[in-house]
Protein backbone atom coordinates (compact mmCIF):
# COMPACT_ATOMS: atom_id res chain seq x y z
CA MET A 1 0.21 -0.02 -0.17
CA ALA A 2 1.59 3.64 -1.01
CA ASP A 3 1.65 6.47 1.76
CA ARG A 4 -1.31 8.02 3.27
CA PHE A 5 -1.00 11.56 4.52
CA ILE A 6 -3.48 13.99 6.24
CA GLU A 7 -3.33 17.38 6.86
CA VAL A 8 -4.18 18.26 10.68
CA SER A 9 -5.05 22.16 11.15
CA LEU A 10 -5.93 24.51 13.52
CA VAL A 11 -8.51 26.75 11.39
CA LYS A 12 -8.62 29.85 12.96
CA ARG A 13 -4.84 29.93 13.57
CA ASP A 14 -4.66 28.57 9.97
CA VAL A 15 -1.84 26.35 10.56
CA THR A 16 -1.24 23.38 8.74
CA CYS A 17 0.89 20.37 9.25
CA THR A 18 1.10 17.05 7.11
CA ALA A 19 0.85 13.39 9.03
CA ARG A 20 1.55 9.69 7.85
CA LEU A 21 -0.83 7.22 8.86
CA LEU A 22 1.37 4.68 10.16
CA ASP A 23 -0.86 1.63 8.24
CA ASP A 24 2.05 -0.94 9.08
CA ARG A 25 1.36 -0.24 12.91
CA ALA A 26 -2.03 0.33 13.05
CA PRO A 27 -3.87 -0.68 10.05
CA ILE A 28 -6.98 -1.12 11.58
CA THR A 29 -7.18 2.60 13.01
CA CYS A 30 -5.61 4.47 10.31
CA ALA A 31 -9.13 2.34 8.17
CA THR A 32 -11.23 3.78 10.71
CA VAL A 33 -9.85 7.37 10.73
CA TRP A 34 -9.09 7.62 7.14
CA ASP A 35 -12.82 6.26 6.23
CA ALA A 36 -14.57 9.21 8.83
CA LEU A 37 -12.48 11.83 7.39
CA PRO A 38 -13.06 14.78 7.01
CA LEU A 39 -13.47 15.66 11.12
CA SER A 40 -13.58 18.97 12.61
CA GLY A 41 -14.66 20.00 16.62
CA ASP A 42 -13.68 22.67 19.25
CA VAL A 43 -9.81 21.95 20.20
CA TYR A 44 -8.88 21.24 23.83
CA HIS A 45 -5.46 21.49 24.89
CA ALA A 46 -4.32 18.77 28.04
CA LYS A 47 -4.35 19.25 31.10
CA TYR A 48 -2.11 16.12 32.30
CA ALA A 49 -0.65 14.51 29.44
CA ARG A 50 1.06 17.88 28.69
CA ASN A 51 1.62 18.65 25.47
CA GLU A 52 -1.03 17.83 23.74
CA ILE A 53 -4.16 19.05 21.96
CA TYR A 54 -7.32 17.25 20.75
CA ALA A 55 -10.87 16.94 20.08
CA LEU A 56 -13.72 14.89 20.83
CA PHE A 57 -16.05 13.32 18.08
CA PRO A 58 -18.71 11.12 18.56
CA PRO A 59 -17.84 7.48 17.62
CA PHE A 60 -17.29 6.92 14.20
CA ALA A 61 -16.73 3.21 13.39
CA GLU A 62 -18.63 0.22 13.52
CA LYS A 63 -16.22 -1.37 16.29
CA GLU A 64 -13.98 0.26 17.91
CA PRO A 65 -9.87 -0.44 17.15
CA PRO A 66 -8.12 -2.97 19.59
CA LEU A 67 -4.80 -1.23 20.87
CA GLU A 68 -2.49 -1.67 18.39
CA ASN A 69 0.67 0.36 18.27
CA PRO A 70 -0.38 1.47 21.82
CA THR A 71 1.86 4.17 24.15
CA VAL A 72 2.07 5.69 27.29
CA THR A 73 4.54 8.06 26.00
CA PRO A 74 3.86 10.08 22.75
CA ILE A 75 6.61 11.65 21.50
CA PRO A 76 6.86 14.71 19.11
CA GLY A 77 4.35 14.67 16.40
CA ASP A 78 2.60 11.43 17.09
CA LEU A 79 -0.94 11.28 16.34
CA CYS A 80 -2.94 9.14 19.12
CA TYR A 81 -6.55 7.94 19.40
CA PHE A 82 -8.46 7.03 21.93
CA ALA A 83 -11.74 5.70 22.75
CA PHE A 84 -13.46 6.87 26.25
CA ALA A 85 -16.91 6.03 27.99
CA GLY A 86 -18.54 9.03 28.72
CA THR A 87 -18.35 8.83 32.23
CA GLU A 88 -14.52 8.78 31.91
CA LEU A 89 -14.78 12.48 30.95
CA GLY A 90 -18.01 13.57 33.00
CA THR A 91 -16.37 15.19 36.02
CA LYS A 92 -16.03 18.84 36.01
CA SER A 93 -12.51 19.18 36.71
CA TYR A 94 -12.31 18.07 33.04
CA GLY A 95 -13.64 21.60 31.51
CA TYR A 96 -15.99 20.42 29.14
CA ASP A 97 -19.30 22.30 28.05
CA ARG A 98 -21.76 19.88 27.20
CA GLU A 99 -22.79 17.12 29.57
CA VAL A 100 -21.42 13.12 28.93
CA HIS A 101 -23.75 10.13 29.52
CA ALA A 102 -22.74 6.80 31.20
CA GLY A 103 -22.59 4.49 28.17
CA THR A 104 -21.92 7.21 26.13
CA THR A 105 -18.58 6.84 24.21
CA LEU A 106 -16.48 9.52 22.67
CA VAL A 107 -13.44 9.86 20.71
CA ASP A 108 -10.40 11.75 21.35
CA LEU A 109 -7.89 12.19 18.27
CA ALA A 110 -4.60 13.85 19.88
CA LEU A 111 -1.74 15.58 18.13
CA PHE A 112 1.30 15.64 20.55
CA TYR A 113 3.71 18.84 19.49
CA GLU A 114 6.27 18.55 22.13
CA ARG A 115 8.78 15.97 24.13
CA ASN A 116 8.12 14.97 27.91
CA ASN A 117 4.57 13.43 28.13
CA LEU A 118 2.99 11.15 29.96
CA LEU A 119 -0.91 9.33 29.86
CA LEU A 120 -1.07 9.02 33.42
CA ASN A 121 -4.46 10.52 34.64
CA GLY A 122 -4.75 11.06 38.36
CA ASP A 123 -8.36 10.07 38.41
CA VAL A 124 -8.04 6.70 36.83
CA GLY A 125 -4.67 5.83 35.96
CA TRP A 126 -2.87 4.54 32.67
CA ILE A 127 -4.39 5.93 29.16
CA PRO A 128 -2.39 4.44 26.71
CA GLY A 129 -3.42 6.01 22.96
CA ILE A 130 -2.84 4.44 19.48
CA VAL A 131 -0.47 5.69 17.75
CA TRP A 132 -2.25 5.97 14.35
CA GLY A 133 0.00 8.95 12.45
CA GLN A 134 3.15 10.62 12.51
CA VAL A 135 3.57 14.11 11.44
CA VAL A 136 5.93 14.97 8.61
CA ASP A 137 6.26 17.97 7.73
CA GLY A 138 5.22 21.50 9.74
CA LEU A 139 5.96 20.40 13.09
CA ASP A 140 7.42 23.56 14.44
CA ALA A 141 4.82 25.92 13.20
CA MET A 142 2.24 24.16 14.99
CA ALA A 143 3.90 23.19 18.38
CA GLU A 144 4.34 27.40 18.40
CA ALA A 145 0.75 27.76 17.38
CA CYS A 146 -0.39 24.99 20.01
CA ASN A 147 2.04 27.25 22.29
CA ASP A 148 -0.22 30.04 22.01
CA LEU A 149 -3.23 27.84 22.07
CA TRP A 150 -1.82 27.14 25.82
CA ARG A 151 -1.40 30.73 26.77
CA SER A 152 -4.04 32.49 25.22
CA GLY A 153 -6.65 30.59 25.04
CA ALA A 154 -8.61 27.84 22.86
CA ALA A 155 -12.21 29.60 22.98
CA GLY A 156 -12.94 29.51 19.06
CA GLU A 157 -10.60 27.92 17.87
CA THR A 158 -11.05 24.02 15.44
CA LEU A 159 -9.22 21.30 15.49
CA SER A 160 -9.53 19.77 11.61
CA PHE A 161 -8.44 16.42 10.56
CA LYS A 162 -8.66 15.74 6.28
CA ARG A 163 -7.00 13.32 3.83
CA ALA A 164 -3.78 15.44 2.06
């Protein structure tokens, strides 16, 4: 299979990077995301994992992918996939502006833009993610925009994933 690429963008900040799908390491997850593209949603900056931005989506797979190519220590440029039951994100400490109900699954698509990340949540423990893509171009500009998002706030910003 030929390499497949996507664009990841912070829309309001007009910053885009290009990522290669890791079809050889996470084929089921890559197919699941690829088939669902384009996707976009409100962006959040991580509180616990450090240098991460992400968006939450309703489930888009017939069946959630298995934990293929897992990590708890993502590196700069990793794209990760997480699936959460609604109650895992339902505490007010997470700061989401929507009600989350038991049994509701949310998909979290994340971009890690700098080093020293650890997927450990004080409420529930280790949160392994599926690494399904790696940024191959534009990470420096995206990291700068992500730092601005951390300092200036995420309100009104959209994280977008689309086929390149």
